[in-house]
Amino acid sequence: MIAEEKLALLKDLQSRGYKFICGVDEVGRGPLAGPVVCAAAIMDLDNLIDGVDDSKKVPPRRREILADEISKRAIALNICRVEPQIIDEINILQATRLCMKNAVEGLKIKPDFVLVDGNMTLDIDIPQQSVVKGDGRVYSIGAASIAAKVYRDSLMREYDAIYPQYFFADNKGYGTAAHIKALRMVGACPIHRLSFLKNIL
């Protein structure tokens, strides 16, 4: 069952006449390598998926099952990424905002209201509201967080096959001891965020 409090804001917006309510979330603001990934999801509140929550609270295998269900049952779902070179150019905050904007604007159905995780404001022409810790508090944002997390984790496993010396399959680009040791031994690779490495290198 989905807890009523995760549906409360969505149902309130529905009662005010909004039909296509989108949740948007990001994954990968903190890592030293790889893109930031954002997902925007318009979920069907008449066809709920049990177990949707903040992606960090869901075990990896369960996340993959949920992500598959979300992609099947969402009214609209879009996943976007912004690469490390852009992150270095415009900074991670602006890259995250750009990624979220692209995720929302790329939906096959234009939402009439957007719920944004955190305290972000997006440069979009749609009514919006930011929700701090929204991925654990709002069903649609939780669904977006799971879709984004599963996509990014899969991508980092692919990068691990190309750059095995950094252990990306394990660390997903985050600054673990093994990752930092590898950076100091062999330097950065093309998917590293150079602006994040100044104190390490």
N, C-alpha and C. Protein backbone atom coordinates (compact mmCIF):
# COMPACT_ATOMS: atom_id res chain seq x y z
N MET A 1 0.85 -1.21 0.00
CA MET A 1 0.00 0.00 0.00
C MET A 1 0.88 1.25 0.00
N ILE A 2 0.42 2.28 -0.70
CA ILE A 2 1.09 3.58 -0.66
C ILE A 2 0.47 4.39 0.48
N ALA A 3 1.33 4.87 1.37
CA ALA A 3 0.83 5.65 2.51
C ALA A 3 0.08 6.89 2.01
N GLU A 4 -1.03 7.18 2.69
CA GLU A 4 -1.89 8.30 2.28
C GLU A 4 -1.14 9.62 2.22
N GLU A 5 -0.16 9.81 3.15
CA GLU A 5 0.54 11.10 3.16
C GLU A 5 1.35 11.32 1.88
N LYS A 6 1.74 10.23 1.19
CA LYS A 6 2.50 10.37 -0.07
C LYS A 6 1.60 10.75 -1.23
N LEU A 7 0.29 10.62 -1.02
CA LEU A 7 -0.68 10.96 -2.06
C LEU A 7 -1.40 12.27 -1.76
N ALA A 8 -1.24 12.78 -0.52
CA ALA A 8 -2.05 13.92 -0.06
C ALA A 8 -1.88 15.15 -0.96
N LEU A 9 -0.64 15.52 -1.25
CA LEU A 9 -0.40 16.72 -2.06
C LEU A 9 -0.92 16.53 -3.48
N LEU A 10 -0.73 15.34 -4.03
CA LEU A 10 -1.20 15.04 -5.39
C LEU A 10 -2.73 15.13 -5.45
N LYS A 11 -3.39 14.57 -4.44
CA LYS A 11 -4.86 14.59 -4.44
C LYS A 11 -5.40 16.01 -4.21
N ASP A 12 -4.68 16.78 -3.41
CA ASP A 12 -5.07 18.18 -3.20
C ASP A 12 -4.98 18.96 -4.52
N LEU A 13 -3.90 18.74 -5.26
CA LEU A 13 -3.75 19.42 -6.55
C LEU A 13 -4.82 18.96 -7.53
N GLN A 14 -5.12 17.66 -7.52
CA GLN A 14 -6.20 17.14 -8.37
C GLN A 14 -7.52 17.82 -8.05
N SER A 15 -7.79 17.99 -6.76
CA SER A 15 -9.06 18.60 -6.34
C SER A 15 -9.14 20.07 -6.77
N ARG A 16 -7.97 20.67 -7.04
CA ARG A 16 -7.94 22.06 -7.51
C ARG A 16 -7.93 22.15 -9.03
N GLY A 17 -8.14 20.99 -9.70
CA GLY A 17 -8.31 21.00 -11.15
C GLY A 17 -7.09 20.62 -11.97
N TYR A 18 -5.97 20.31 -11.31
CA TYR A 18 -4.78 19.89 -12.06
C TYR A 18 -4.90 18.40 -12.39
N LYS A 19 -4.64 18.08 -13.65
CA LYS A 19 -4.83 16.69 -14.11
C LYS A 19 -3.50 15.96 -14.24
N PHE A 20 -2.55 16.57 -14.93
CA PHE A 20 -1.26 15.93 -15.18
C PHE A 20 -0.20 16.54 -14.27
N ILE A 21 -0.02 15.90 -13.11
CA ILE A 21 0.90 16.43 -12.09
C ILE A 21 2.20 15.63 -12.17
N CYS A 22 3.27 16.35 -12.39
CA CYS A 22 4.57 15.72 -12.62
C CYS A 22 5.44 15.83 -11.37
N GLY A 23 6.12 14.73 -11.02
CA GLY A 23 7.16 14.76 -10.00
C GLY A 23 8.51 14.72 -10.70
N VAL A 24 9.46 15.50 -10.22
CA VAL A 24 10.79 15.50 -10.83
C VAL A 24 11.86 15.41 -9.75
N ASP A 25 12.88 14.59 -10.01
CA ASP A 25 13.96 14.39 -9.04
C ASP A 25 15.27 14.15 -9.78
N GLU A 26 16.38 14.35 -9.05
CA GLU A 26 17.70 14.13 -9.64
C GLU A 26 18.46 13.07 -8.86
N VAL A 27 19.44 12.48 -9.54
CA VAL A 27 20.37 11.55 -8.91
C VAL A 27 21.77 11.91 -9.41
N GLY A 28 22.72 11.91 -8.50
CA GLY A 28 24.10 12.09 -8.93
C GLY A 28 24.62 13.51 -8.87
N ARG A 29 24.18 14.27 -7.88
CA ARG A 29 24.76 15.61 -7.71
C ARG A 29 26.15 15.54 -7.09
N GLY A 30 26.38 14.55 -6.23
CA GLY A 30 27.60 14.51 -5.44
C GLY A 30 28.80 13.77 -6.00
N PRO A 31 28.63 12.84 -6.97
CA PRO A 31 29.77 12.04 -7.42
C PRO A 31 30.88 12.85 -8.09
N LEU A 32 32.05 12.22 -8.15
CA LEU A 32 33.21 12.83 -8.83
C LEU A 32 33.19 12.53 -10.33
N ALA A 33 32.36 11.56 -10.72
CA ALA A 33 32.36 11.13 -12.13
C ALA A 33 30.94 10.81 -12.57
N GLY A 34 30.74 10.89 -13.88
CA GLY A 34 29.45 10.56 -14.48
C GLY A 34 28.52 11.75 -14.52
N PRO A 35 27.42 11.61 -15.26
CA PRO A 35 26.47 12.70 -15.41
C PRO A 35 25.57 12.85 -14.19
N VAL A 36 24.89 14.01 -14.11
CA VAL A 36 23.74 14.12 -13.22
C VAL A 36 22.54 13.66 -14.06
N VAL A 37 21.65 12.89 -13.44
CA VAL A 37 20.51 12.30 -14.14
C VAL A 37 19.22 12.77 -13.46
N CYS A 38 18.24 13.17 -14.25
CA CYS A 38 16.94 13.60 -13.71
C CYS A 38 15.82 12.84 -14.40
N ALA A 39 14.79 12.56 -13.64
CA ALA A 39 13.59 11.94 -14.21
C ALA A 39 12.38 12.78 -13.86
N ALA A 40 11.46 12.86 -14.80
CA ALA A 40 10.16 13.50 -14.60
C ALA A 40 9.09 12.44 -14.83
N ALA A 41 8.16 12.33 -13.89
CA ALA A 41 7.14 11.28 -13.98
C ALA A 41 5.75 11.83 -13.70
N ILE A 42 4.82 11.56 -14.60
CA ILE A 42 3.39 11.78 -14.35
C ILE A 42 2.80 10.41 -14.09
N MET A 43 2.41 10.16 -12.84
CA MET A 43 1.94 8.83 -12.45
C MET A 43 0.42 8.75 -12.45
N ASP A 44 -0.09 7.55 -12.70
CA ASP A 44 -1.52 7.27 -12.69
C ASP A 44 -1.94 6.96 -11.25
N LEU A 45 -2.69 7.85 -10.64
CA LEU A 45 -3.08 7.67 -9.24
C LEU A 45 -4.20 6.64 -9.08
N ASP A 46 -4.74 6.15 -10.21
CA ASP A 46 -5.71 5.07 -10.15
C ASP A 46 -5.06 3.70 -10.37
N ASN A 47 -3.74 3.70 -10.55
CA ASN A 47 -3.01 2.45 -10.80
C ASN A 47 -1.67 2.53 -10.06
N LEU A 48 -1.76 2.55 -8.72
CA LEU A 48 -0.59 2.80 -7.88
C LEU A 48 0.36 1.60 -7.84
N ILE A 49 1.65 1.92 -7.65
CA ILE A 49 2.68 0.89 -7.55
C ILE A 49 3.14 0.81 -6.10
N ASP A 50 2.93 -0.34 -5.50
CA ASP A 50 3.28 -0.54 -4.09
C ASP A 50 4.81 -0.51 -3.92
N GLY A 51 5.27 0.19 -2.88
CA GLY A 51 6.70 0.18 -2.56
C GLY A 51 7.48 1.37 -3.07
N VAL A 52 6.84 2.28 -3.81
CA VAL A 52 7.54 3.46 -4.32
C VAL A 52 7.92 4.37 -3.14
N ASP A 53 9.19 4.76 -3.09
CA ASP A 53 9.71 5.56 -1.99
C ASP A 53 10.95 6.28 -2.48
N ASP A 54 11.57 7.05 -1.62
CA ASP A 54 12.88 7.62 -1.89
C ASP A 54 13.81 6.48 -2.33
N SER A 55 14.44 6.63 -3.49
CA SER A 55 15.24 5.54 -4.06
C SER A 55 16.33 5.05 -3.11
N LYS A 56 16.83 5.95 -2.25
CA LYS A 56 17.91 5.57 -1.32
C LYS A 56 17.41 4.59 -0.25
N LYS A 57 16.10 4.52 -0.05
CA LYS A 57 15.53 3.64 0.97
C LYS A 57 15.12 2.28 0.41
N VAL A 58 15.26 2.10 -0.92
CA VAL A 58 14.79 0.87 -1.57
C VAL A 58 16.00 0.02 -1.97
N PRO A 59 16.03 -1.27 -1.62
CA PRO A 59 17.16 -2.12 -2.00
C PRO A 59 17.33 -2.18 -3.53
N PRO A 60 18.58 -2.35 -4.00
CA PRO A 60 18.86 -2.27 -5.44
C PRO A 60 17.99 -3.17 -6.32
N ARG A 61 17.86 -4.44 -5.97
CA ARG A 61 17.07 -5.35 -6.83
C ARG A 61 15.61 -4.91 -6.87
N ARG A 62 15.08 -4.49 -5.73
CA ARG A 62 13.69 -4.02 -5.66
C ARG A 62 13.53 -2.74 -6.49
N ARG A 63 14.54 -1.88 -6.45
CA ARG A 63 14.51 -0.64 -7.26
C ARG A 63 14.35 -0.96 -8.74
N GLU A 64 15.08 -1.98 -9.20
CA GLU A 64 15.01 -2.33 -10.63
C GLU A 64 13.62 -2.83 -11.01
N ILE A 65 13.03 -3.63 -10.15
CA ILE A 65 11.66 -4.13 -10.40
C ILE A 65 10.68 -2.95 -10.42
N LEU A 66 10.83 -2.05 -9.44
CA LEU A 66 9.94 -0.88 -9.39
C LEU A 66 10.13 0.02 -10.61
N ALA A 67 11.39 0.23 -11.02
CA ALA A 67 11.66 1.09 -12.19
C ALA A 67 10.96 0.54 -13.43
N ASP A 68 10.97 -0.78 -13.56
CA ASP A 68 10.30 -1.42 -14.70
C ASP A 68 8.79 -1.17 -14.64
N GLU A 69 8.22 -1.31 -13.44
CA GLU A 69 6.78 -1.05 -13.27
C GLU A 69 6.45 0.42 -13.54
N ILE A 70 7.31 1.31 -13.05
CA ILE A 70 7.09 2.75 -13.25
C ILE A 70 7.08 3.08 -14.74
N SER A 71 8.01 2.50 -15.49
CA SER A 71 8.07 2.80 -16.93
C SER A 71 6.84 2.26 -17.65
N LYS A 72 6.28 1.15 -17.15
CA LYS A 72 5.08 0.57 -17.78
C LYS A 72 3.81 1.34 -17.41
N ARG A 73 3.73 1.77 -16.16
CA ARG A 73 2.46 2.31 -15.66
C ARG A 73 2.37 3.84 -15.63
N ALA A 74 3.49 4.51 -15.80
CA ALA A 74 3.46 5.99 -15.80
C ALA A 74 2.62 6.49 -16.97
N ILE A 75 1.90 7.56 -16.74
CA ILE A 75 1.20 8.24 -17.85
C ILE A 75 2.25 8.84 -18.78
N ALA A 76 3.31 9.39 -18.20
CA ALA A 76 4.45 9.89 -18.99
C ALA A 76 5.69 9.83 -18.11
N LEU A 77 6.81 9.46 -18.71
CA LEU A 77 8.08 9.38 -18.00
C LEU A 77 9.19 9.82 -18.94
N ASN A 78 10.10 10.64 -18.44
CA ASN A 78 11.24 11.08 -19.24
C ASN A 78 12.47 11.17 -18.36
N ILE A 79 13.58 10.63 -18.85
CA ILE A 79 14.85 10.65 -18.12
C ILE A 79 15.88 11.41 -18.95
N CYS A 80 16.56 12.35 -18.31
CA CYS A 80 17.57 13.17 -18.98
C CYS A 80 18.88 13.12 -18.20
N ARG A 81 19.96 13.46 -18.88
CA ARG A 81 21.26 13.54 -18.22
C ARG A 81 22.01 14.76 -18.70
N VAL A 82 22.87 15.29 -17.83
CA VAL A 82 23.77 16.38 -18.19
C VAL A 82 25.19 15.89 -17.90
N GLU A 83 26.04 15.98 -18.91
CA GLU A 83 27.36 15.35 -18.85
C GLU A 83 28.35 16.16 -18.00
N PRO A 84 29.43 15.49 -17.56
CA PRO A 84 30.43 16.14 -16.70
C PRO A 84 31.02 17.44 -17.28
N GLN A 85 31.19 17.48 -18.59
CA GLN A 85 31.78 18.69 -19.20
C GLN A 85 30.88 19.91 -18.99
N ILE A 86 29.57 19.70 -19.05
CA ILE A 86 28.62 20.80 -18.82
C ILE A 86 28.59 21.15 -17.33
N ILE A 87 28.66 20.13 -16.48
CA ILE A 87 28.72 20.37 -15.02
C ILE A 87 29.92 21.26 -14.70
N ASP A 88 31.08 20.94 -15.31
CA ASP A 88 32.29 21.75 -15.08
C ASP A 88 32.11 23.18 -15.59
N GLU A 89 31.34 23.31 -16.66
CA GLU A 89 31.17 24.63 -17.29
C GLU A 89 30.22 25.54 -16.52
N ILE A 90 29.10 24.97 -16.05
CA ILE A 90 28.04 25.84 -15.48
C ILE A 90 27.81 25.60 -13.99
N ASN A 91 28.47 24.64 -13.38
CA ASN A 91 28.40 24.21 -11.98
C ASN A 91 27.24 23.23 -11.76
N ILE A 92 27.36 22.44 -10.71
CA ILE A 92 26.43 21.32 -10.50
C ILE A 92 25.00 21.81 -10.21
N LEU A 93 24.85 22.92 -9.52
CA LEU A 93 23.50 23.42 -9.23
C LEU A 93 22.77 23.78 -10.52
N GLN A 94 23.44 24.55 -11.40
CA GLN A 94 22.81 24.96 -12.65
C GLN A 94 22.63 23.75 -13.58
N ALA A 95 23.56 22.81 -13.54
CA ALA A 95 23.44 21.59 -14.36
C ALA A 95 22.23 20.78 -13.92
N THR A 96 21.98 20.72 -12.61
CA THR A 96 20.83 19.98 -12.08
C THR A 96 19.53 20.66 -12.50
N ARG A 97 19.49 21.98 -12.39
CA ARG A 97 18.30 22.72 -12.82
C ARG A 97 18.01 22.51 -14.31
N LEU A 98 19.08 22.56 -15.11
CA LEU A 98 18.93 22.34 -16.56
C LEU A 98 18.42 20.93 -16.84
N CYS A 99 18.98 19.96 -16.14
CA CYS A 99 18.59 18.56 -16.33
C CYS A 99 17.11 18.35 -15.96
N MET A 100 16.70 18.92 -14.84
CA MET A 100 15.29 18.81 -14.43
C MET A 100 14.36 19.48 -15.45
N LYS A 101 14.74 20.65 -15.89
CA LYS A 101 13.95 21.38 -16.90
C LYS A 101 13.79 20.53 -18.17
N ASN A 102 14.90 19.95 -18.63
CA ASN A 102 14.87 19.12 -19.83
C ASN A 102 14.00 17.89 -19.64
N ALA A 103 14.06 17.31 -18.44
CA ALA A 103 13.25 16.12 -18.15
C ALA A 103 11.76 16.46 -18.22
N VAL A 104 11.39 17.59 -17.63
CA VAL A 104 9.97 18.02 -17.63
C VAL A 104 9.53 18.37 -19.05
N GLU A 105 10.34 19.16 -19.75
CA GLU A 105 9.93 19.64 -21.08
C GLU A 105 9.94 18.54 -22.13
N GLY A 106 10.62 17.42 -21.84
CA GLY A 106 10.67 16.32 -22.79
C GLY A 106 9.56 15.29 -22.61
N LEU A 107 8.70 15.48 -21.63
CA LEU A 107 7.58 14.55 -21.42
C LEU A 107 6.64 14.56 -22.63
N LYS A 108 6.09 13.40 -22.96
CA LYS A 108 5.20 13.32 -24.14
C LYS A 108 3.87 14.04 -23.88
N ILE A 109 3.53 14.21 -22.60
CA ILE A 109 2.34 14.99 -22.21
C ILE A 109 2.82 16.17 -21.39
N LYS A 110 2.38 17.38 -21.74
CA LYS A 110 2.82 18.54 -20.96
C LYS A 110 2.08 18.54 -19.62
N PRO A 111 2.83 18.54 -18.50
CA PRO A 111 2.15 18.59 -17.20
C PRO A 111 1.50 19.95 -16.97
N ASP A 112 0.48 19.96 -16.12
CA ASP A 112 -0.11 21.26 -15.76
C ASP A 112 0.33 21.71 -14.37
N PHE A 113 1.11 20.85 -13.68
CA PHE A 113 1.72 21.25 -12.41
C PHE A 113 2.95 20.38 -12.21
N VAL A 114 4.02 20.97 -11.66
CA VAL A 114 5.27 20.25 -11.44
C VAL A 114 5.68 20.34 -9.97
N LEU A 115 5.95 19.18 -9.38
CA LEU A 115 6.46 19.10 -8.01
C LEU A 115 7.94 18.74 -8.08
N VAL A 116 8.78 19.64 -7.57
CA VAL A 116 10.23 19.52 -7.71
C VAL A 116 10.84 19.09 -6.38
N ASP A 117 11.67 18.06 -6.40
CA ASP A 117 12.34 17.64 -5.17
C ASP A 117 13.35 18.69 -4.72
N GLY A 118 13.43 18.88 -3.40
CA GLY A 118 14.41 19.83 -2.85
C GLY A 118 13.85 21.24 -2.79
N ASN A 119 14.76 22.21 -2.91
CA ASN A 119 14.29 23.60 -2.89
C ASN A 119 14.66 24.31 -4.19
N MET A 120 14.55 23.57 -5.30
CA MET A 120 14.86 24.08 -6.63
C MET A 120 13.67 24.83 -7.21
N THR A 121 13.97 25.84 -8.00
CA THR A 121 12.96 26.47 -8.85
C THR A 121 13.43 26.30 -10.29
N LEU A 122 12.55 25.82 -11.15
CA LEU A 122 12.93 25.54 -12.53
C LEU A 122 12.48 26.65 -13.46
N ASP A 123 13.22 26.84 -14.53
CA ASP A 123 12.91 27.85 -15.54
C ASP A 123 11.92 27.25 -16.54
N ILE A 124 10.66 27.09 -16.07
CA ILE A 124 9.61 26.50 -16.92
C ILE A 124 8.36 27.37 -16.83
N ASP A 125 7.50 27.24 -17.84
CA ASP A 125 6.27 28.05 -17.88
C ASP A 125 5.07 27.27 -17.36
N ILE A 126 5.30 26.46 -16.32
CA ILE A 126 4.27 25.61 -15.73
C ILE A 126 4.25 25.90 -14.23
N PRO A 127 3.08 25.96 -13.60
CA PRO A 127 3.05 26.14 -12.15
C PRO A 127 3.87 25.04 -11.46
N GLN A 128 4.62 25.44 -10.43
CA GLN A 128 5.50 24.47 -9.76
C GLN A 128 5.55 24.72 -8.27
N GLN A 129 5.96 23.69 -7.56
CA GLN A 129 6.16 23.79 -6.11
C GLN A 129 7.34 22.91 -5.75
N SER A 130 8.26 23.43 -4.95
CA SER A 130 9.37 22.59 -4.50
C SER A 130 8.97 21.92 -3.18
N VAL A 131 9.43 20.69 -3.01
CA VAL A 131 9.09 19.89 -1.82
C VAL A 131 10.40 19.33 -1.25
N VAL A 132 10.81 19.85 -0.11
CA VAL A 132 12.04 19.36 0.53
C VAL A 132 11.84 17.91 0.96
N LYS A 133 12.83 17.07 0.63
CA LYS A 133 12.75 15.62 0.86
C LYS A 133 11.52 15.01 0.17
N GLY A 134 11.19 15.59 -0.97
CA GLY A 134 10.00 15.17 -1.71
C GLY A 134 10.02 13.72 -2.16
N ASP A 135 11.24 13.18 -2.40
CA ASP A 135 11.30 11.80 -2.89
C ASP A 135 10.76 10.79 -1.87
N GLY A 136 10.78 11.16 -0.60
CA GLY A 136 10.19 10.30 0.43
C GLY A 136 8.81 10.72 0.86
N ARG A 137 8.35 11.86 0.35
CA ARG A 137 7.07 12.43 0.83
C ARG A 137 5.97 12.46 -0.23
N VAL A 138 6.36 12.42 -1.50
CA VAL A 138 5.37 12.53 -2.59
C VAL A 138 5.57 11.36 -3.56
N TYR A 139 4.50 10.62 -3.79
CA TYR A 139 4.55 9.41 -4.62
C TYR A 139 5.21 9.64 -5.98
N SER A 140 4.82 10.68 -6.69
CA SER A 140 5.34 10.91 -8.04
C SER A 140 6.82 11.28 -8.04
N ILE A 141 7.25 12.02 -7.02
CA ILE A 141 8.68 12.36 -6.92
C ILE A 141 9.49 11.10 -6.58
N GLY A 142 8.94 10.26 -5.70
CA GLY A 142 9.59 8.98 -5.39
C GLY A 142 9.76 8.11 -6.62
N ALA A 143 8.71 8.07 -7.45
CA ALA A 143 8.78 7.29 -8.70
C ALA A 143 9.88 7.84 -9.62
N ALA A 144 9.96 9.17 -9.71
CA ALA A 144 11.01 9.80 -10.53
C ALA A 144 12.39 9.48 -9.98
N SER A 145 12.53 9.47 -8.65
CA SER A 145 13.84 9.21 -8.03
C SER A 145 14.30 7.78 -8.32
N ILE A 146 13.38 6.83 -8.31
CA ILE A 146 13.73 5.44 -8.59
C ILE A 146 14.12 5.28 -10.06
N ALA A 147 13.35 5.88 -10.96
CA ALA A 147 13.67 5.79 -12.40
C ALA A 147 15.05 6.37 -12.69
N ALA A 148 15.34 7.52 -12.10
CA ALA A 148 16.63 8.17 -12.32
C ALA A 148 17.77 7.36 -11.75
N LYS A 149 17.59 6.83 -10.55
CA LYS A 149 18.64 6.07 -9.86
C LYS A 149 18.99 4.79 -10.62
N VAL A 150 17.98 4.05 -11.06
CA VAL A 150 18.23 2.80 -11.78
C VAL A 150 18.92 3.08 -13.12
N TYR A 151 18.50 4.14 -13.79
CA TYR A 151 19.13 4.51 -15.06
C TYR A 151 20.60 4.86 -14.84
N ARG A 152 20.88 5.69 -13.83
CA ARG A 152 22.26 6.14 -13.61
C ARG A 152 23.15 4.99 -13.14
N ASP A 153 22.65 4.14 -12.25
CA ASP A 153 23.45 3.01 -11.78
C ASP A 153 23.83 2.09 -12.94
N SER A 154 22.88 1.85 -13.85
CA SER A 154 23.15 1.01 -15.02
C SER A 154 24.22 1.65 -15.91
N LEU A 155 24.11 2.95 -16.07
CA LEU A 155 25.09 3.69 -16.87
C LEU A 155 26.49 3.58 -16.26
N MET A 156 26.58 3.70 -14.94
CA MET A 156 27.89 3.63 -14.28
C MET A 156 28.49 2.22 -14.37
N ARG A 157 27.64 1.21 -14.43
CA ARG A 157 28.16 -0.15 -14.66
C ARG A 157 28.75 -0.28 -16.07
N GLU A 158 28.11 0.39 -17.03
CA GLU A 158 28.66 0.41 -18.40
C GLU A 158 30.01 1.12 -18.43
N TYR A 159 30.11 2.24 -17.72
CA TYR A 159 31.38 2.96 -17.66
C TYR A 159 32.46 2.13 -16.95
N ASP A 160 32.06 1.30 -16.01
CA ASP A 160 33.01 0.44 -15.31
C ASP A 160 33.72 -0.50 -16.28
N ALA A 161 32.99 -0.96 -17.29
CA ALA A 161 33.58 -1.86 -18.30
C ALA A 161 34.62 -1.12 -19.16
N ILE A 162 34.42 0.18 -19.33
CA ILE A 162 35.35 0.99 -20.14
C ILE A 162 36.53 1.46 -19.31
N TYR A 163 36.27 1.84 -18.08
CA TYR A 163 37.31 2.38 -17.19
C TYR A 163 37.36 1.57 -15.89
N PRO A 164 37.80 0.29 -15.96
CA PRO A 164 37.70 -0.59 -14.78
C PRO A 164 38.56 -0.15 -13.60
N GLN A 165 39.57 0.67 -13.85
CA GLN A 165 40.50 1.04 -12.76
C GLN A 165 39.84 1.89 -11.68
N TYR A 166 38.65 2.46 -11.96
CA TYR A 166 38.01 3.35 -10.97
C TYR A 166 36.90 2.68 -10.17
N PHE A 167 36.55 1.43 -10.51
CA PHE A 167 35.53 0.67 -9.75
C PHE A 167 34.15 1.36 -9.76
N PHE A 168 33.77 1.90 -10.93
CA PHE A 168 32.50 2.63 -11.04
C PHE A 168 31.28 1.74 -10.74
N ALA A 169 31.37 0.44 -11.03
CA ALA A 169 30.23 -0.44 -10.75
C ALA A 169 29.91 -0.46 -9.26
N ASP A 170 30.96 -0.34 -8.43
CA ASP A 170 30.78 -0.34 -6.98
C ASP A 170 30.43 1.05 -6.44
N ASN A 171 31.19 2.05 -6.88
CA ASN A 171 31.06 3.38 -6.23
C ASN A 171 30.13 4.34 -6.96
N LYS A 172 29.71 3.97 -8.18
CA LYS A 172 28.80 4.82 -9.00
C LYS A 172 29.34 6.23 -9.22
N GLY A 173 30.67 6.36 -9.11
CA GLY A 173 31.30 7.66 -9.32
C GLY A 173 31.55 8.46 -8.06
N TYR A 174 31.02 7.98 -6.93
CA TYR A 174 31.24 8.70 -5.66
C TYR A 174 32.69 8.53 -5.20
N GLY A 175 33.12 9.41 -4.31
CA GLY A 175 34.52 9.49 -3.91
C GLY A 175 34.90 8.52 -2.81
N THR A 176 34.81 7.24 -3.09
CA THR A 176 35.25 6.22 -2.12
C THR A 176 36.77 6.23 -2.03
N ALA A 177 37.29 5.55 -1.02
CA ALA A 177 38.75 5.50 -0.84
C ALA A 177 39.42 4.86 -2.05
N ALA A 178 38.84 3.77 -2.57
CA ALA A 178 39.44 3.08 -3.73
C ALA A 178 39.41 3.99 -4.97
N HIS A 179 38.33 4.73 -5.13
CA HIS A 179 38.20 5.63 -6.28
C HIS A 179 39.25 6.76 -6.18
N ILE A 180 39.39 7.34 -5.02
CA ILE A 180 40.34 8.44 -4.83
C ILE A 180 41.78 7.94 -5.01
N LYS A 181 42.05 6.74 -4.51
CA LYS A 181 43.39 6.15 -4.68
C LYS A 181 43.70 5.97 -6.17
N ALA A 182 42.71 5.46 -6.92
CA ALA A 182 42.89 5.27 -8.37
C ALA A 182 43.13 6.60 -9.07
N LEU A 183 42.38 7.62 -8.67
CA LEU A 183 42.56 8.95 -9.27
C LEU A 183 43.98 9.46 -9.05
N ARG A 184 44.50 9.24 -7.86
CA ARG A 184 45.85 9.74 -7.55
C ARG A 184 46.92 8.93 -8.28
N MET A 185 46.61 7.68 -8.60
CA MET A 185 47.58 6.83 -9.30
C MET A 185 47.56 7.06 -10.81
N VAL A 186 46.36 7.13 -11.39
CA VAL A 186 46.28 7.18 -12.87
C VAL A 186 45.66 8.47 -13.41
N GLY A 187 45.19 9.35 -12.52
CA GLY A 187 44.59 10.60 -12.99
C GLY A 187 43.14 10.41 -13.40
N ALA A 188 42.57 11.45 -13.97
CA ALA A 188 41.14 11.46 -14.33
C ALA A 188 40.91 10.80 -15.69
N CYS A 189 39.67 10.38 -15.92
CA CYS A 189 39.26 9.86 -17.23
C CYS A 189 38.21 10.81 -17.82
N PRO A 190 37.75 10.57 -19.06
CA PRO A 190 36.84 11.53 -19.71
C PRO A 190 35.50 11.75 -19.02
N ILE A 191 35.08 10.86 -18.10
CA ILE A 191 33.78 11.10 -17.45
C ILE A 191 33.93 11.72 -16.06
N HIS A 192 35.15 12.08 -15.67
CA HIS A 192 35.32 12.76 -14.38
C HIS A 192 34.91 14.23 -14.47
N ARG A 193 34.40 14.74 -13.36
CA ARG A 193 34.07 16.17 -13.23
C ARG A 193 35.32 16.86 -12.71
N LEU A 194 36.04 17.51 -13.57
CA LEU A 194 37.34 18.08 -13.19
C LEU A 194 37.18 19.14 -12.10
N SER A 195 36.05 19.85 -12.11
CA SER A 195 35.81 20.88 -11.09
C SER A 195 35.65 20.28 -9.69
N PHE A 196 35.36 18.97 -9.61
CA PHE A 196 35.20 18.29 -8.33
C PHE A 196 36.52 17.72 -7.81
N LEU A 197 37.56 17.74 -8.65
CA LEU A 197 38.78 17.01 -8.32
C LEU A 197 39.93 17.89 -7.84
N LYS A 198 39.68 19.18 -7.75
CA LYS A 198 40.79 20.11 -7.45
C LYS A 198 41.52 19.75 -6.17
N ASN A 199 40.80 19.39 -5.13
CA ASN A 199 41.44 19.07 -3.85
C ASN A 199 42.06 17.68 -3.82
N ILE A 200 41.66 16.83 -4.77
CA ILE A 200 42.18 15.45 -4.82
C ILE A 200 43.44 15.39 -5.66
N LEU A 201 43.41 16.05 -6.82
CA LEU A 201 44.54 16.00 -7.74
C LEU A 201 45.48 17.19 -7.49
